[in-house]
Protein backbone atom coordinates (compact mmCIF):
# COMPACT_ATOMS: atom_id res chain seq x y z
CA MET A 1 -11.32 -17.08 -11.74
CA ALA A 2 -14.01 -18.91 -9.73
CA ARG A 3 -13.47 -22.18 -11.56
CA PRO A 4 -9.71 -22.50 -10.83
CA ILE A 5 -10.40 -21.61 -7.19
CA ASP A 6 -13.05 -24.35 -6.95
CA GLU A 7 -10.63 -26.87 -8.45
CA ALA A 8 -7.79 -25.93 -6.08
CA PHE A 9 -9.99 -25.54 -2.97
CA PRO A 10 -13.13 -27.70 -3.26
CA ASP A 11 -14.33 -26.71 0.22
CA ASN A 12 -14.04 -22.97 -0.35
CA ASN A 13 -16.65 -20.38 0.57
CA LEU A 14 -16.56 -17.93 -2.35
CA VAL A 15 -18.16 -14.53 -1.79
CA THR A 16 -17.96 -11.23 -3.66
CA THR A 17 -17.79 -7.71 -2.26
CA ALA A 18 -20.58 -5.33 -3.17
CA ALA A 19 -19.18 -2.07 -1.80
CA ARG A 20 -16.16 -0.48 -0.14
CA GLY A 21 -15.74 -1.85 3.37
CA ALA A 22 -17.39 -5.18 2.58
CA ALA A 23 -14.08 -7.06 2.37
CA GLY A 24 -13.24 -6.17 5.96
CA ARG A 25 -16.59 -7.42 7.22
CA LEU A 26 -16.19 -10.65 5.27
CA ALA A 27 -12.72 -11.12 6.75
CA HIS A 28 -14.16 -10.87 10.28
CA GLU A 29 -16.84 -13.42 9.38
CA THR A 30 -14.22 -15.75 7.90
CA LEU A 31 -12.10 -15.44 11.02
CA ALA A 32 -15.11 -16.26 13.21
CA ARG A 33 -15.69 -19.46 11.20
CA GLY A 34 -12.17 -20.60 11.98
CA SER A 35 -10.87 -20.54 8.40
CA ARG A 36 -7.10 -20.86 8.07
CA LEU A 37 -6.70 -19.34 4.59
CA ILE A 38 -8.27 -16.23 3.08
CA VAL A 39 -7.83 -15.74 -0.66
CA VAL A 40 -8.34 -12.15 -1.83
CA ALA A 41 -8.98 -11.45 -5.50
CA GLY A 42 -8.57 -7.71 -5.97
CA GLY A 43 -6.18 -4.79 -5.85
CA ASN A 44 -4.42 -2.85 -3.12
CA GLY A 45 -7.59 -1.48 -1.53
CA VAL A 46 -9.34 -4.82 -1.07
CA ALA A 47 -6.18 -6.43 0.30
CA ASN A 48 -5.82 -3.53 2.71
CA GLU A 49 -9.38 -3.92 3.99
CA VAL A 50 -8.79 -7.60 4.74
CA ALA A 51 -5.37 -7.03 6.33
CA ASP A 52 -6.74 -4.20 8.48
CA ALA A 53 -9.63 -6.37 9.66
CA LEU A 54 -7.30 -9.22 10.60
CA LEU A 55 -4.59 -7.17 12.28
CA SER A 56 -7.05 -5.02 14.24
CA THR A 57 -8.02 -8.13 16.23
CA GLY A 58 -4.67 -8.05 18.02
CA LEU A 59 -4.08 -11.73 17.25
CA THR A 60 -0.61 -13.01 16.38
CA ALA A 61 0.40 -14.24 12.94
CA ALA A 62 0.13 -17.83 14.18
CA GLU A 63 -3.43 -17.22 15.36
CA LEU A 64 -4.60 -15.42 12.22
CA PRO A 65 -5.55 -17.04 8.91
CA GLU A 66 -2.97 -17.03 6.17
CA LEU A 67 -3.56 -14.44 3.42
CA ALA A 68 -3.27 -15.22 -0.29
CA LEU A 69 -3.64 -12.72 -3.13
CA ILE A 70 -4.96 -12.96 -6.66
CA PRO A 71 -3.91 -9.65 -8.27
CA VAL A 72 -6.91 -8.11 -10.02
CA GLY A 73 -7.61 -4.40 -10.43
CA VAL A 74 -6.04 -1.03 -11.17
CA GLY A 75 -3.37 -1.06 -8.46
CA VAL A 76 -1.75 -4.39 -7.56
CA ASP A 77 1.42 -3.04 -5.96
CA LEU A 78 1.30 -5.30 -2.91
CA ALA A 79 1.10 -8.41 -5.08
CA ARG A 80 3.81 -7.03 -7.36
CA GLY A 81 6.11 -6.48 -4.40
CA LEU A 82 5.51 -10.03 -3.19
CA GLY A 83 6.40 -11.38 -6.63
CA ILE A 84 2.92 -12.79 -7.29
CA PRO A 85 2.36 -13.32 -11.04
CA ARG A 86 -0.66 -12.02 -12.93
CA ASP A 87 -1.51 -15.09 -15.02
CA ALA A 88 -4.14 -17.40 -13.56
CA ASN A 89 -2.28 -20.71 -13.88
CA SER A 90 0.82 -19.46 -12.07
CA VAL A 91 -1.26 -17.81 -9.35
CA MET A 92 -3.30 -20.94 -8.67
CA ALA A 93 -0.20 -23.14 -8.59
CA ARG A 94 1.25 -20.88 -5.92
CA LEU A 95 -1.97 -20.70 -3.92
CA ALA A 96 -2.20 -24.49 -3.84
CA ASP A 97 1.34 -24.80 -2.43
CA PRO A 98 1.40 -24.54 1.40
CA GLY A 99 5.18 -24.39 1.18
CA ALA A 100 4.95 -20.95 -0.42
CA THR A 101 4.04 -19.36 2.92
CA ARG A 102 6.17 -16.53 4.27
CA LEU A 103 5.93 -14.24 7.29
CA ILE A 104 5.81 -10.51 6.51
CA ASP A 105 5.76 -7.27 8.46
CA ALA A 106 2.92 -4.76 8.60
CA GLY A 107 2.43 -1.20 9.76
CA ARG A 108 -0.05 0.81 11.80
CA VAL A 109 -0.77 4.43 10.97
CA THR A 110 -2.47 6.89 13.30
CA TYR A 111 -3.96 9.89 11.51
CA VAL A 112 -6.69 12.53 11.57
CA GLY A 113 -9.88 11.06 10.14
CA ASP A 114 -12.27 12.87 7.84
CA GLY A 115 -14.49 13.59 10.85
CA GLY A 116 -11.65 15.35 12.66
CA GLY A 117 -10.90 12.74 15.32
CA SER A 118 -7.91 10.45 15.69
CA ALA A 119 -8.09 7.15 13.83
CA ASP A 120 -5.76 4.30 13.04
CA ARG A 121 -5.44 1.69 10.32
CA TYR A 122 -3.16 -1.22 9.51
CA PHE A 123 -1.39 -1.74 6.21
CA LEU A 124 0.92 -4.15 4.42
CA ASN A 125 2.36 -2.15 1.54
CA CYS A 126 2.80 1.60 1.87
CA VAL A 127 1.59 4.86 3.40
CA SER A 128 2.47 8.10 1.62
CA ALA A 129 1.70 11.78 2.16
CA GLY A 130 1.73 14.72 -0.20
CA ILE A 131 1.17 14.56 -3.94
CA SER A 132 0.33 10.83 -3.84
CA ALA A 133 -2.91 11.48 -1.94
CA GLY A 134 -4.29 13.52 -4.81
CA ILE A 135 -3.21 10.90 -7.32
CA ALA A 136 -4.91 8.10 -5.37
CA ALA A 137 -8.13 10.09 -4.95
CA SER A 138 -8.16 10.98 -8.64
CA VAL A 139 -7.61 7.37 -9.73
CA ASN A 140 -10.32 6.10 -7.38
CA SER A 141 -12.86 8.60 -8.71
CA ALA A 142 -11.95 8.19 -12.39
CA ARG A 143 -14.33 6.50 -14.75
CA ARG A 144 -12.39 3.38 -15.73
CA VAL A 145 -11.91 2.73 -19.44
CA SER A 146 -11.25 -0.97 -20.01
CA PHE A 147 -8.54 -0.47 -22.64
CA VAL A 148 -6.47 1.84 -20.41
CA PRO A 149 -4.10 -0.26 -18.24
CA GLY A 150 -3.86 0.57 -14.56
CA GLN A 151 -0.24 1.72 -14.85
CA ALA A 152 -1.14 4.14 -17.67
CA LEU A 153 -4.03 5.54 -15.63
CA PHE A 154 -1.74 6.16 -12.65
CA PHE A 155 0.84 7.82 -14.89
CA MET A 156 -1.71 10.19 -16.42
CA LYS A 157 -3.10 11.13 -13.02
CA SER A 158 0.45 11.62 -11.70
CA VAL A 159 1.23 14.12 -14.47
CA GLN A 160 -1.97 16.02 -13.69
CA ALA A 161 -1.17 16.02 -9.98
CA VAL A 162 2.37 17.35 -10.48
CA LEU A 163 0.96 20.26 -12.49
CA SER A 164 -1.68 21.17 -9.89
CA HIS A 165 -0.09 20.21 -6.56
CA ARG A 166 1.22 22.83 -4.16
CA PHE A 167 4.10 21.58 -2.01
CA SER A 168 3.85 21.96 1.75
CA ARG A 169 6.53 21.98 4.41
CA MET A 170 6.77 18.72 6.34
CA THR A 171 8.82 17.64 9.31
CA VAL A 172 9.67 13.97 8.92
CA SER A 173 11.22 12.07 11.84
CA VAL A 174 12.48 8.49 11.72
CA ASP A 175 13.13 6.75 15.04
CA GLY A 176 13.18 10.16 16.72
CA ALA A 177 15.69 11.82 14.36
CA VAL A 178 14.54 14.57 11.97
CA VAL A 179 15.17 13.57 8.34
CA THR A 180 13.76 16.67 6.70
CA ASP A 181 11.96 19.89 7.57
CA GLU A 182 11.32 21.64 4.27
CA GLU A 183 8.98 21.84 1.29
CA THR A 184 8.23 18.29 0.27
CA ALA A 185 6.49 16.72 -2.70
CA LEU A 186 6.10 13.22 -1.26
CA VAL A 187 6.95 11.11 1.77
CA ALA A 188 6.48 7.36 1.38
CA VAL A 189 6.73 4.98 4.33
CA ALA A 190 7.16 1.73 2.49
CA ASN A 191 7.00 -1.86 3.63
CA GLY A 192 6.75 -3.01 0.00
CA ARG A 193 8.65 -1.73 -3.01
CA PHE A 194 5.89 -0.36 -5.23
CA LEU A 195 3.07 2.17 -5.27
CA GLY A 196 1.04 4.06 -7.86
CA GLY A 197 0.54 1.18 -10.27
CA GLY A 198 4.15 0.03 -10.54
CA MET A 199 6.36 2.90 -9.37
CA ALA A 200 9.40 1.40 -7.60
CA ILE A 201 9.26 4.04 -4.88
CA ALA A 202 11.36 1.98 -2.42
CA PRO A 203 13.44 -0.30 -4.66
CA ASP A 204 15.39 -1.88 -1.80
CA ALA A 205 12.48 -2.47 0.60
CA GLU A 206 12.06 -5.92 2.12
CA MET A 207 8.75 -6.96 3.66
CA ASP A 208 10.32 -9.12 6.36
CA ASP A 209 13.28 -7.07 7.66
CA GLY A 210 11.41 -5.25 10.43
CA LEU A 211 12.14 -1.84 8.89
CA PHE A 212 10.28 0.70 6.77
CA ASP A 213 12.04 2.35 3.85
CA VAL A 214 11.19 6.05 4.29
CA VAL A 215 11.44 7.89 0.98
CA VAL A 216 11.44 11.70 1.00
CA ILE A 217 11.16 13.59 -2.30
CA ARG A 218 11.75 17.28 -1.69
CA GLY A 219 10.02 19.94 -3.73
CA ALA A 220 11.53 20.96 -7.08
CA SER A 221 10.33 22.75 -10.19
CA LYS A 222 7.35 21.06 -11.81
CA LEU A 223 9.11 20.84 -15.17
CA TYR A 224 12.03 19.09 -13.48
CA MET A 225 9.70 16.64 -11.73
CA LEU A 226 7.86 15.81 -14.94
CA ASP A 227 11.14 15.32 -16.78
CA ASN A 228 12.32 12.84 -14.13
CA MET A 229 9.07 11.06 -13.32
CA ASN A 230 9.96 7.93 -15.27
CA LYS A 231 12.93 7.36 -12.97
CA ILE A 232 10.55 6.28 -10.21
CA TYR A 233 9.41 3.27 -12.24
CA SER A 234 12.95 1.89 -12.43
CA GLY A 235 14.06 3.02 -8.99
CA ALA A 236 16.65 5.38 -10.47
CA HIS A 237 15.15 8.28 -8.50
CA ARG A 238 17.09 7.12 -5.44
CA ASN A 239 20.22 8.73 -6.94
CA MET A 240 18.60 12.15 -7.37
CA PRO A 241 19.74 14.93 -5.01
CA GLU A 242 16.11 15.71 -4.06
CA VAL A 243 15.57 12.18 -2.74
CA THR A 244 16.51 10.78 0.66
CA ILE A 245 15.84 7.17 1.68
CA THR A 246 16.12 6.17 5.33
CA LYS A 247 15.24 2.97 7.17
CA GLY A 248 13.46 2.88 10.52
CA ARG A 249 10.69 1.47 12.70
CA GLU A 250 8.82 4.59 13.81
CA VAL A 251 7.96 7.50 11.52
CA ARG A 252 6.32 10.83 12.27
CA ILE A 253 5.09 13.13 9.48
CA ALA A 254 3.99 16.60 10.60
CA PRO A 255 3.08 19.11 7.86
CA THR A 256 2.61 22.81 8.55
CA GLU A 257 -0.78 22.75 6.79
CA THR A 258 -3.52 20.23 6.07
CA THR A 259 -1.97 17.51 3.94
CA GLY A 260 -3.66 14.40 2.59
CA PHE A 261 -2.23 10.91 2.62
CA GLU A 262 -2.97 7.55 1.09
CA ILE A 263 -2.75 4.09 2.58
CA ASP A 264 -2.54 1.28 0.01
CA GLY A 265 -4.41 3.53 -2.44
CA GLU A 266 -7.17 4.69 -0.07
CA THR A 267 -7.48 8.25 1.30
CA PRO A 268 -9.20 8.14 4.72
CA GLY A 269 -8.00 11.42 6.23
CA HIS A 270 -4.97 13.65 6.60
CA ALA A 271 -1.69 14.17 8.45
CA PRO A 272 -0.08 14.43 10.99
CA LEU A 273 0.81 10.77 10.85
CA GLN A 274 2.41 8.38 13.32
CA ILE A 275 3.49 5.12 11.65
CA ASP A 276 4.76 2.11 13.59
CA MET A 277 6.30 -1.14 12.42
CA LEU A 278 4.72 -4.50 13.35
CA ARG A 279 7.37 -7.18 12.88
CA GLY A 280 6.23 -10.55 11.52
CA ALA A 281 2.56 -9.63 11.70
CA LEU A 282 0.96 -11.83 9.03
CA ARG A 283 1.53 -15.00 7.04
CA VAL A 284 1.06 -14.73 3.29
CA ARG A 285 1.17 -17.35 0.58
CA ALA A 286 3.53 -15.78 -1.92
């Protein structure tokens, strides 16, 4: 991928990340140099690190560099939701076109960090609590086999998680109104449409409408959930009686017991969660 980047952007400064957290530090360095475009080659986690670093500065979208994505990795749900293709030629053609820029929303989640104190993080795609946290952690810790596609890996880990997960009661409020207060398998606060390696969790979500799509999947029998899991990939789950989808700008998730969550595939802590919409927060080339 380095060669096409060099051809499209001769004056680029190409660097690689060596460990988790490095992408955020590189984004701060790039911002300090006055760069106007940051191209991220990676999956959801790397894109999240860069977006978090940029948005945590408090600068406006006009003041921040534009973000471009080259989808590489196990989970590329943000790129998928933006309609960014996987093949190199199509990606580079889009990256080289300044007219492909669009303004998208972002979110900020406040949560309980692993150390026990309050923390916050910015995101572009999705925050979810419940069974998805275990899936994300399991995928991140799995030894990757090159011939197993990312979507297949997520599906296998999802089946395992359904079999082992114990539902907890969650109170979910959207813009101050309680949406549910019962045993819940998953709550997804989605800016983008996809999570979990291609699951269309919020099939009607738009990344520039100023609203989250809040998807609540209430607890059901594990056999029933396994039998209907494929519906999430097509978006057909939205018609199931256990599923409620609501739109809003402020979301509060308060479980009755310690419950993990994931943010763009990373698992930095646990609920309760406060999630706020940031309208028109970042420019992306997509």
